[in-house]
Amino acid sequence: MTFKSPTIFMTSVTFAMLTACASVASAPVKVSDGVLVGPNGMTLYTFDKDVAGSGKSVCNGPCATNWPPLMAAQGESASGDFSIITRDDGSKQWAVKGKPVYYWVKDSKPGDKTGDGFSGVWQVAKP
């Protein structure tokens, strides 16, 4: 394919890059130091009592106060290992490999993993 105008070529390249970025940006989860982190860089966790693939979170009420869910905004879409579940209150939460993911209220800065192993049922989320 040849382009007669550098402007047409650059427009095509820019469009292709934006399209690729849009598909990557659909899930707000990244990998840092071998664990999954949210868009704020804070460590994400899974709860052993959540059943993978059930589409449900069993961490509600006071549990969700201590373990805030990674919420999915309206219009966000899931793909690959990432899915969106509906919580008991009707809000949407991100899940990875079918397991809902959460923050830990006692982590104070990116890189903290103080919730790993908490009560034997909370684990850092891994890719």
N, C-alpha and C. Protein backbone atom coordinates (compact mmCIF):
# COMPACT_ATOMS: atom_id res chain seq x y z
N MET A 1 0.86 -1.17 0.00
CA MET A 1 0.00 0.00 0.00
C MET A 1 0.90 1.23 0.00
N THR A 2 0.66 2.13 -0.90
CA THR A 2 1.43 3.37 -0.95
C THR A 2 0.49 4.55 -0.75
N PHE A 3 1.00 5.56 -0.08
CA PHE A 3 0.22 6.78 0.17
C PHE A 3 0.85 7.92 -0.61
N LYS A 4 0.03 8.70 -1.28
CA LYS A 4 0.53 9.82 -2.06
C LYS A 4 0.75 11.03 -1.18
N SER A 5 0.17 11.01 0.01
CA SER A 5 0.30 12.16 0.88
C SER A 5 0.75 11.72 2.26
N PRO A 6 1.77 12.38 2.82
CA PRO A 6 2.19 12.04 4.18
C PRO A 6 1.07 12.26 5.20
N THR A 7 0.19 13.21 4.92
CA THR A 7 -0.92 13.49 5.84
C THR A 7 -1.87 12.30 5.91
N ILE A 8 -2.18 11.71 4.78
CA ILE A 8 -3.06 10.54 4.76
C ILE A 8 -2.40 9.39 5.50
N PHE A 9 -1.10 9.20 5.27
CA PHE A 9 -0.37 8.14 5.95
C PHE A 9 -0.41 8.34 7.46
N MET A 10 -0.08 9.55 7.93
CA MET A 10 -0.05 9.83 9.36
C MET A 10 -1.46 9.71 9.97
N THR A 11 -2.47 10.12 9.24
CA THR A 11 -3.84 9.98 9.73
C THR A 11 -4.18 8.51 9.90
N SER A 12 -3.79 7.68 8.94
CA SER A 12 -4.04 6.24 9.02
C SER A 12 -3.31 5.62 10.20
N VAL A 13 -2.06 6.00 10.39
CA VAL A 13 -1.27 5.47 11.51
C VAL A 13 -1.89 5.91 12.84
N THR A 14 -2.25 7.16 12.95
CA THR A 14 -2.86 7.68 14.18
C THR A 14 -4.16 6.95 14.49
N PHE A 15 -4.99 6.75 13.48
CA PHE A 15 -6.25 6.04 13.67
C PHE A 15 -5.99 4.61 14.16
N ALA A 16 -5.03 3.94 13.55
CA ALA A 16 -4.71 2.56 13.96
C ALA A 16 -4.22 2.52 15.40
N MET A 17 -3.39 3.49 15.79
CA MET A 17 -2.88 3.53 17.17
C MET A 17 -4.00 3.81 18.16
N LEU A 18 -4.89 4.73 17.84
CA LEU A 18 -6.00 5.05 18.74
C LEU A 18 -6.94 3.87 18.88
N THR A 19 -7.18 3.15 17.80
CA THR A 19 -8.03 1.97 17.86
C THR A 19 -7.41 0.92 18.76
N ALA A 20 -6.12 0.70 18.63
CA ALA A 20 -5.42 -0.28 19.48
C ALA A 20 -5.47 0.14 20.94
N CYS A 21 -5.24 1.41 21.22
CA CYS A 21 -5.27 1.91 22.59
C CYS A 21 -6.66 1.79 23.19
N ALA A 22 -7.68 2.01 22.41
CA ALA A 22 -9.05 1.92 22.93
C ALA A 22 -9.34 0.50 23.40
N SER A 23 -8.86 -0.50 22.69
CA SER A 23 -9.15 -1.87 23.11
C SER A 23 -8.35 -2.24 24.34
N VAL A 24 -7.15 -1.72 24.50
CA VAL A 24 -6.35 -1.99 25.68
C VAL A 24 -6.93 -1.28 26.89
N ALA A 25 -7.46 -0.08 26.68
CA ALA A 25 -7.93 0.74 27.79
C ALA A 25 -9.25 0.25 28.38
N SER A 26 -9.90 -0.76 27.78
CA SER A 26 -11.19 -1.18 28.28
C SER A 26 -11.11 -1.76 29.69
N ALA A 27 -10.03 -2.40 30.06
CA ALA A 27 -9.87 -2.91 31.42
C ALA A 27 -8.84 -2.04 32.14
N PRO A 28 -9.21 -1.47 33.29
CA PRO A 28 -8.33 -0.53 33.97
C PRO A 28 -7.25 -1.20 34.83
N VAL A 29 -6.94 -2.44 34.56
CA VAL A 29 -6.00 -3.20 35.37
C VAL A 29 -4.65 -3.27 34.67
N LYS A 30 -3.58 -3.12 35.46
CA LYS A 30 -2.22 -3.23 34.94
C LYS A 30 -1.45 -4.23 35.80
N VAL A 31 -0.27 -4.63 35.33
CA VAL A 31 0.61 -5.48 36.12
C VAL A 31 1.77 -4.63 36.61
N SER A 32 2.05 -4.74 37.90
CA SER A 32 3.18 -4.04 38.51
C SER A 32 3.80 -4.95 39.55
N ASP A 33 5.08 -5.18 39.45
CA ASP A 33 5.80 -6.01 40.42
C ASP A 33 5.16 -7.40 40.55
N GLY A 34 4.66 -7.91 39.44
CA GLY A 34 4.11 -9.27 39.41
C GLY A 34 2.69 -9.43 39.91
N VAL A 35 2.03 -8.32 40.28
CA VAL A 35 0.64 -8.38 40.75
C VAL A 35 -0.21 -7.41 39.95
N LEU A 36 -1.51 -7.59 40.02
CA LEU A 36 -2.42 -6.69 39.34
C LEU A 36 -2.68 -5.46 40.21
N VAL A 37 -2.72 -4.31 39.55
CA VAL A 37 -3.00 -3.05 40.23
C VAL A 37 -4.09 -2.32 39.47
N GLY A 38 -4.81 -1.47 40.20
CA GLY A 38 -5.85 -0.65 39.59
C GLY A 38 -5.24 0.55 38.91
N PRO A 39 -6.08 1.41 38.33
CA PRO A 39 -5.58 2.59 37.61
C PRO A 39 -4.84 3.57 38.52
N ASN A 40 -5.05 3.49 39.83
CA ASN A 40 -4.34 4.34 40.79
C ASN A 40 -3.01 3.73 41.23
N GLY A 41 -2.66 2.56 40.69
CA GLY A 41 -1.40 1.90 41.03
C GLY A 41 -1.46 1.06 42.29
N MET A 42 -2.63 1.01 42.93
CA MET A 42 -2.78 0.26 44.18
C MET A 42 -3.05 -1.21 43.89
N THR A 43 -2.50 -2.08 44.75
CA THR A 43 -2.61 -3.52 44.61
C THR A 43 -4.08 -3.96 44.65
N LEU A 44 -4.38 -4.94 43.81
CA LEU A 44 -5.71 -5.55 43.79
C LEU A 44 -5.63 -6.94 44.41
N TYR A 45 -6.75 -7.36 45.01
CA TYR A 45 -6.82 -8.63 45.73
C TYR A 45 -8.04 -9.43 45.28
N THR A 46 -7.96 -10.74 45.50
CA THR A 46 -9.11 -11.61 45.31
C THR A 46 -9.48 -12.22 46.67
N PHE A 47 -10.74 -12.61 46.78
CA PHE A 47 -11.31 -13.15 48.00
C PHE A 47 -11.62 -14.62 47.76
N ASP A 48 -11.03 -15.52 48.55
CA ASP A 48 -11.21 -16.95 48.34
C ASP A 48 -12.67 -17.39 48.40
N LYS A 49 -13.53 -16.64 49.11
CA LYS A 49 -14.93 -17.03 49.23
C LYS A 49 -15.75 -16.68 47.98
N ASP A 50 -15.20 -15.85 47.08
CA ASP A 50 -15.85 -15.58 45.80
C ASP A 50 -15.63 -16.79 44.89
N VAL A 51 -16.68 -17.24 44.24
CA VAL A 51 -16.58 -18.37 43.32
C VAL A 51 -16.30 -17.84 41.92
N ALA A 52 -15.17 -18.25 41.34
CA ALA A 52 -14.80 -17.80 40.00
C ALA A 52 -15.89 -18.16 39.00
N GLY A 53 -16.25 -17.19 38.18
CA GLY A 53 -17.22 -17.42 37.13
C GLY A 53 -18.67 -17.35 37.58
N SER A 54 -18.92 -17.10 38.87
CA SER A 54 -20.30 -17.06 39.36
C SER A 54 -20.98 -15.74 39.01
N GLY A 55 -20.18 -14.73 38.69
CA GLY A 55 -20.74 -13.42 38.38
C GLY A 55 -21.20 -12.67 39.63
N LYS A 56 -20.77 -13.13 40.81
CA LYS A 56 -21.19 -12.54 42.08
C LYS A 56 -19.98 -12.23 42.96
N SER A 57 -20.19 -11.26 43.84
CA SER A 57 -19.24 -10.96 44.91
C SER A 57 -19.94 -11.28 46.22
N VAL A 58 -19.25 -11.97 47.12
CA VAL A 58 -19.82 -12.21 48.44
C VAL A 58 -19.29 -11.21 49.46
N CYS A 59 -18.49 -10.25 49.01
CA CYS A 59 -17.96 -9.21 49.89
C CYS A 59 -18.83 -7.96 49.73
N ASN A 60 -19.79 -7.81 50.66
CA ASN A 60 -20.72 -6.69 50.64
C ASN A 60 -20.75 -6.06 52.03
N GLY A 61 -21.42 -4.93 52.16
CA GLY A 61 -21.56 -4.26 53.46
C GLY A 61 -20.22 -3.91 54.08
N PRO A 62 -20.02 -4.27 55.37
CA PRO A 62 -18.76 -3.94 56.05
C PRO A 62 -17.53 -4.52 55.34
N CYS A 63 -17.70 -5.69 54.74
CA CYS A 63 -16.59 -6.30 54.00
C CYS A 63 -16.13 -5.37 52.88
N ALA A 64 -17.09 -4.82 52.13
CA ALA A 64 -16.75 -3.93 51.01
C ALA A 64 -16.22 -2.58 51.48
N THR A 65 -16.47 -2.22 52.74
CA THR A 65 -15.89 -1.00 53.30
C THR A 65 -14.39 -1.20 53.48
N ASN A 66 -14.00 -2.39 53.96
CA ASN A 66 -12.58 -2.70 54.17
C ASN A 66 -11.89 -3.14 52.88
N TRP A 67 -12.64 -3.72 51.99
CA TRP A 67 -12.12 -4.23 50.72
C TRP A 67 -12.91 -3.60 49.58
N PRO A 68 -12.65 -2.33 49.29
CA PRO A 68 -13.43 -1.65 48.24
C PRO A 68 -13.28 -2.32 46.88
N PRO A 69 -14.39 -2.62 46.23
CA PRO A 69 -14.33 -3.24 44.90
C PRO A 69 -13.72 -2.30 43.86
N LEU A 70 -13.07 -2.87 42.87
CA LEU A 70 -12.64 -2.09 41.70
C LEU A 70 -13.89 -1.96 40.84
N MET A 71 -14.49 -0.79 40.88
CA MET A 71 -15.76 -0.56 40.21
C MET A 71 -15.55 -0.35 38.71
N ALA A 72 -16.52 -0.80 37.95
CA ALA A 72 -16.53 -0.60 36.50
C ALA A 72 -17.48 0.55 36.20
N ALA A 73 -17.00 1.50 35.44
CA ALA A 73 -17.82 2.66 35.08
C ALA A 73 -18.76 2.28 33.93
N GLN A 74 -19.86 3.01 33.85
CA GLN A 74 -20.79 2.79 32.75
C GLN A 74 -20.06 2.98 31.43
N GLY A 75 -20.29 2.08 30.51
CA GLY A 75 -19.68 2.18 29.19
C GLY A 75 -18.37 1.42 29.07
N GLU A 76 -17.77 1.00 30.20
CA GLU A 76 -16.56 0.19 30.10
C GLU A 76 -16.96 -1.20 29.63
N SER A 77 -16.07 -1.80 28.84
CA SER A 77 -16.38 -3.14 28.33
C SER A 77 -15.26 -4.10 28.67
N ALA A 78 -15.62 -5.33 28.82
CA ALA A 78 -14.68 -6.37 29.22
C ALA A 78 -14.24 -7.19 28.02
N SER A 79 -13.04 -7.78 28.15
CA SER A 79 -12.56 -8.70 27.13
C SER A 79 -11.45 -9.56 27.71
N GLY A 80 -11.21 -10.69 27.08
CA GLY A 80 -10.15 -11.58 27.52
C GLY A 80 -10.40 -12.09 28.93
N ASP A 81 -9.37 -11.97 29.78
CA ASP A 81 -9.47 -12.43 31.17
C ASP A 81 -10.30 -11.50 32.05
N PHE A 82 -10.71 -10.36 31.51
CA PHE A 82 -11.44 -9.36 32.30
C PHE A 82 -12.93 -9.44 32.02
N SER A 83 -13.70 -9.41 33.10
CA SER A 83 -15.15 -9.41 32.98
C SER A 83 -15.72 -8.40 33.97
N ILE A 84 -16.99 -8.13 33.84
CA ILE A 84 -17.67 -7.21 34.74
C ILE A 84 -18.84 -7.96 35.36
N ILE A 85 -18.90 -7.92 36.69
CA ILE A 85 -20.00 -8.58 37.40
C ILE A 85 -20.95 -7.52 37.95
N THR A 86 -22.14 -7.95 38.31
CA THR A 86 -23.11 -7.06 38.94
C THR A 86 -23.16 -7.40 40.42
N ARG A 87 -22.90 -6.37 41.25
CA ARG A 87 -22.92 -6.55 42.70
C ARG A 87 -24.36 -6.59 43.22
N ASP A 88 -24.53 -6.99 44.46
CA ASP A 88 -25.86 -7.09 45.07
C ASP A 88 -26.63 -5.77 45.00
N ASP A 89 -25.89 -4.64 45.06
CA ASP A 89 -26.57 -3.33 45.01
C ASP A 89 -26.80 -2.82 43.59
N GLY A 90 -26.47 -3.65 42.60
CA GLY A 90 -26.68 -3.29 41.20
C GLY A 90 -25.50 -2.60 40.54
N SER A 91 -24.49 -2.21 41.33
CA SER A 91 -23.31 -1.57 40.75
C SER A 91 -22.45 -2.63 40.04
N LYS A 92 -21.52 -2.16 39.24
CA LYS A 92 -20.68 -3.05 38.44
C LYS A 92 -19.26 -3.08 38.99
N GLN A 93 -18.66 -4.27 38.96
CA GLN A 93 -17.31 -4.49 39.49
C GLN A 93 -16.49 -5.29 38.49
N TRP A 94 -15.20 -4.97 38.40
CA TRP A 94 -14.30 -5.73 37.54
C TRP A 94 -13.96 -7.07 38.18
N ALA A 95 -13.79 -8.07 37.34
CA ALA A 95 -13.32 -9.39 37.76
C ALA A 95 -12.20 -9.81 36.81
N VAL A 96 -11.28 -10.59 37.33
CA VAL A 96 -10.17 -11.11 36.53
C VAL A 96 -10.22 -12.63 36.61
N LYS A 97 -10.26 -13.26 35.46
CA LYS A 97 -10.41 -14.71 35.37
C LYS A 97 -11.61 -15.18 36.20
N GLY A 98 -12.68 -14.38 36.16
CA GLY A 98 -13.92 -14.73 36.84
C GLY A 98 -13.98 -14.39 38.31
N LYS A 99 -12.88 -13.87 38.89
CA LYS A 99 -12.85 -13.53 40.32
C LYS A 99 -12.92 -12.01 40.47
N PRO A 100 -13.89 -11.51 41.24
CA PRO A 100 -13.95 -10.06 41.50
C PRO A 100 -12.65 -9.59 42.16
N VAL A 101 -12.27 -8.34 41.87
CA VAL A 101 -11.04 -7.79 42.47
C VAL A 101 -11.36 -6.58 43.33
N TYR A 102 -10.54 -6.42 44.36
CA TYR A 102 -10.76 -5.42 45.40
C TYR A 102 -9.45 -4.75 45.78
N TYR A 103 -9.57 -3.55 46.36
CA TYR A 103 -8.46 -2.89 47.03
C TYR A 103 -8.53 -3.26 48.52
N TRP A 104 -7.46 -2.97 49.26
CA TRP A 104 -7.45 -3.15 50.72
C TRP A 104 -7.30 -1.78 51.33
N VAL A 105 -8.22 -1.41 52.22
CA VAL A 105 -8.28 -0.07 52.79
C VAL A 105 -6.99 0.30 53.54
N LYS A 106 -6.23 -0.68 54.01
CA LYS A 106 -5.03 -0.40 54.80
C LYS A 106 -3.76 -0.24 53.94
N ASP A 107 -3.85 -0.50 52.65
CA ASP A 107 -2.73 -0.16 51.77
C ASP A 107 -2.73 1.36 51.61
N SER A 108 -1.57 1.98 51.84
CA SER A 108 -1.55 3.44 51.81
C SER A 108 -0.87 4.04 50.59
N LYS A 109 -0.08 3.23 49.86
CA LYS A 109 0.61 3.76 48.69
C LYS A 109 0.80 2.64 47.66
N PRO A 110 0.99 3.02 46.40
CA PRO A 110 1.25 2.00 45.38
C PRO A 110 2.43 1.12 45.80
N GLY A 111 2.28 -0.15 45.57
CA GLY A 111 3.32 -1.11 45.95
C GLY A 111 3.03 -1.81 47.26
N ASP A 112 2.18 -1.22 48.12
CA ASP A 112 1.80 -1.90 49.37
C ASP A 112 1.02 -3.16 49.03
N LYS A 113 1.27 -4.21 49.81
CA LYS A 113 0.56 -5.48 49.64
C LYS A 113 0.19 -6.02 51.02
N THR A 114 -0.23 -5.13 51.92
CA THR A 114 -0.46 -5.53 53.32
C THR A 114 -1.67 -6.44 53.49
N GLY A 115 -2.52 -6.55 52.48
CA GLY A 115 -3.68 -7.42 52.59
C GLY A 115 -3.43 -8.85 52.15
N ASP A 116 -2.24 -9.12 51.59
CA ASP A 116 -1.95 -10.46 51.07
C ASP A 116 -1.94 -11.47 52.22
N GLY A 117 -2.79 -12.47 52.12
CA GLY A 117 -2.87 -13.51 53.14
C GLY A 117 -3.75 -13.15 54.33
N PHE A 118 -4.38 -11.97 54.29
CA PHE A 118 -5.21 -11.53 55.42
C PHE A 118 -6.30 -12.57 55.72
N SER A 119 -6.39 -12.96 56.96
CA SER A 119 -7.36 -13.97 57.44
C SER A 119 -7.32 -15.26 56.65
N GLY A 120 -6.26 -15.48 55.90
CA GLY A 120 -6.11 -16.69 55.12
C GLY A 120 -7.02 -16.78 53.91
N VAL A 121 -7.77 -15.69 53.60
CA VAL A 121 -8.72 -15.75 52.48
C VAL A 121 -8.56 -14.64 51.47
N TRP A 122 -7.62 -13.72 51.69
CA TRP A 122 -7.38 -12.64 50.75
C TRP A 122 -6.00 -12.81 50.13
N GLN A 123 -5.92 -12.71 48.82
CA GLN A 123 -4.66 -12.91 48.09
C GLN A 123 -4.45 -11.79 47.11
N VAL A 124 -3.18 -11.43 46.85
CA VAL A 124 -2.93 -10.47 45.78
C VAL A 124 -3.41 -11.10 44.48
N ALA A 125 -4.00 -10.26 43.63
CA ALA A 125 -4.47 -10.74 42.33
C ALA A 125 -3.26 -10.83 41.39
N LYS A 126 -3.14 -11.95 40.73
CA LYS A 126 -2.00 -12.18 39.83
C LYS A 126 -2.50 -12.31 38.39
N PRO A 127 -1.63 -11.91 37.48
CA PRO A 127 -2.02 -12.01 36.05
C PRO A 127 -2.17 -13.45 35.60
